[in-house]
Amino acid sequence: MSKYLLILLWVGFMAVAAPVLGAQRQELVMGKPEQRLRPGFAILVFAPVVWMAATRGYIADSLLSSKLQKN
C-alpha cells in the first residue's frame, strides 16, 4: 500500500473518530457556532503528514528546482 494512501486513510479515520473521542468542541466565531478540534488532537492527526513531507524523497521535486541545484 502506498504511503500516500495510508496518510489519506489515517486522516479519514481520525475525522470519523474525532467526535467519538470527544476531540471536537463548539466555539462562537463572529456569533456563529463552529466545530473546532482540540490542539493536541490536531497535532496528533497531522504529525504523520508532516513527518512524511519532511522525509520524502526526490520524487516530488520540480524539474526547475533540480536544474537550478545542479548549476
Foldseek 3Di string as FASTA:
>chain_A
DDPVVVLVVLLVVLVVCCVVVVQWDWDADPNDIDIDGDPVSVCVSCVVVVVCVVPDDPVPDDPVVVVVVVD
